Protein backbone atom coordinates (compact mmCIF):
# COMPACT_ATOMS: atom_id res chain seq x y z
CA UNK A 1 77.76 116.93 114.03
CA UNK A 2 76.82 119.03 117.04
CA UNK A 3 74.16 117.26 119.10
CA UNK A 4 71.61 120.09 119.05
CA UNK A 5 71.95 120.48 115.28
CA UNK A 6 71.60 116.72 114.86
CA UNK A 7 68.45 116.69 117.00
CA UNK A 8 66.99 119.64 115.07
CA UNK A 9 67.67 117.97 111.72
CA UNK A 10 66.19 114.69 112.90
CA UNK A 11 63.10 116.55 114.07
CA UNK A 12 62.84 118.48 110.79
CA UNK A 13 62.90 115.27 108.80
CA UNK A 14 60.96 112.89 111.05
CA UNK A 15 59.09 115.05 113.56
CA UNK A 16 55.76 114.55 111.85
CA UNK A 17 56.00 110.85 112.73
CA UNK A 18 55.76 111.69 116.45
CA UNK A 19 52.45 112.06 118.25
CA UNK A 20 51.16 115.55 119.02
CA UNK A 21 52.14 115.23 122.68
CA UNK A 22 55.62 113.97 121.80
CA UNK A 23 56.11 116.83 119.35
CA UNK A 24 55.07 119.43 121.89
CA UNK A 25 57.41 118.12 124.59
CA UNK A 26 60.31 117.67 122.15
CA UNK A 27 59.88 121.14 120.66
CA UNK A 28 59.75 122.80 124.06
CA UNK A 29 62.85 121.07 125.42
CA UNK A 30 65.06 120.62 122.36
CA UNK A 31 64.08 123.45 120.03
CA UNK A 32 62.93 126.11 122.49
CA UNK A 33 65.46 125.20 125.20
CA UNK A 34 63.00 125.02 128.09
CA UNK A 35 64.04 122.99 131.12
CA UNK A 36 62.43 119.66 131.97
CA UNK A 37 60.93 121.32 135.05
CA UNK A 38 59.37 124.16 133.05
CA UNK A 39 57.80 121.80 130.54
CA UNK A 40 56.65 119.42 133.27
CA UNK A 41 54.92 122.24 135.13
CA UNK A 42 53.33 123.60 131.97
CA UNK A 43 51.98 120.20 130.91
CA UNK A 44 51.11 118.92 134.37
CA UNK A 45 53.44 115.93 134.21
CA UNK A 46 56.54 114.95 136.16
CA UNK A 47 60.03 116.11 135.33
CA UNK A 48 60.97 112.44 134.96
CA UNK A 49 58.09 112.03 132.51
CA UNK A 50 59.52 114.83 130.35
CA UNK A 51 63.00 113.30 130.54
CA UNK A 52 61.65 109.89 129.51
CA UNK A 53 59.65 111.41 126.66
CA UNK A 54 62.73 113.20 125.26
CA UNK A 55 64.77 110.02 125.54
CA UNK A 56 62.01 108.02 123.79
CA UNK A 57 61.65 110.63 121.03
CA UNK A 58 65.41 110.70 120.43
CA UNK A 59 65.40 106.92 120.15
CA UNK A 60 62.49 107.00 117.68
CA UNK A 61 63.99 109.76 115.54
CA UNK A 62 67.40 108.06 115.52
CA UNK A 63 65.73 104.79 114.56
CA UNK A 64 64.03 106.44 111.58
CA UNK A 65 67.36 107.90 110.48
CA UNK A 66 69.10 104.52 110.79
CA UNK A 67 66.50 103.05 108.44
CA UNK A 68 66.02 105.91 105.97
CA UNK A 69 69.27 107.95 106.10
CA UNK A 70 67.51 111.15 104.97
CA UNK A 71 69.52 113.46 107.23
CA UNK A 72 72.77 111.81 106.19
CA UNK A 73 71.88 112.24 102.51
CA UNK A 74 70.83 115.85 103.07
CA UNK A 75 74.06 116.79 104.85
CA UNK A 76 76.15 115.03 102.20
CA UNK A 77 74.28 116.74 99.35
CA UNK A 78 74.64 120.15 100.99
CA UNK A 79 78.39 119.59 101.36
CA UNK A 80 78.76 118.52 97.73
CA UNK A 81 76.84 121.52 96.40
CA UNK A 82 79.02 123.76 98.58
CA UNK A 83 82.13 122.20 97.06
CA UNK A 84 80.82 122.74 93.52
CA UNK A 85 80.09 126.36 94.39
CA UNK A 86 83.60 126.87 95.75
CA UNK A 87 85.15 125.37 92.60
CA UNK A 88 82.97 127.50 90.34
CA UNK A 89 83.85 130.67 92.29
CA UNK A 90 87.52 130.09 91.47
CA UNK A 91 86.69 130.44 87.77
CA UNK A 92 84.29 133.39 88.00
CA UNK A 93 85.58 135.00 84.79
CA UNK A 94 83.87 132.25 82.82
CA UNK A 95 80.15 133.12 82.34
CA UNK A 96 79.18 129.45 82.68
CA UNK A 97 80.92 129.30 86.05
CA UNK A 98 79.06 132.42 87.19
CA UNK A 99 75.81 130.68 86.35
CA UNK A 100 76.92 127.52 88.19
CA UNK A 101 77.84 129.62 91.24
CA UNK A 102 74.41 131.26 91.15
CA UNK A 103 72.62 127.93 90.80
CA UNK A 104 74.62 126.45 93.67
CA UNK A 105 73.75 129.40 95.88
CA UNK A 106 70.07 128.94 95.05
CA UNK A 107 70.22 125.21 95.79
CA UNK A 108 71.98 125.81 99.12
CA UNK A 109 69.35 128.36 100.14
CA UNK A 110 66.55 125.92 99.32
CA UNK A 111 68.20 123.08 101.23
């Protein structure tokens, strides 16, 4: 999985477990793609402080995933629903398969 996507998914699932300050720094650097220097200047902290905070947040978020596996389960479920949708699309003449395709599309949108 691409590192930025992995970080975004980890944040989506576990970001609320970070402190407000950690969330702000992480969002600015990882999600909004600001440089360490820009965030440091904006928050009045050192560039090294921003770097350390990102490293600490990544470690925390990865630790939560190692214990709970929510991102892993999400990605696996999304892949499985996609496979079901592909199989159902091959048999579109069958009305039941059309309904399955539609349900799969809805599930994938909601995930």
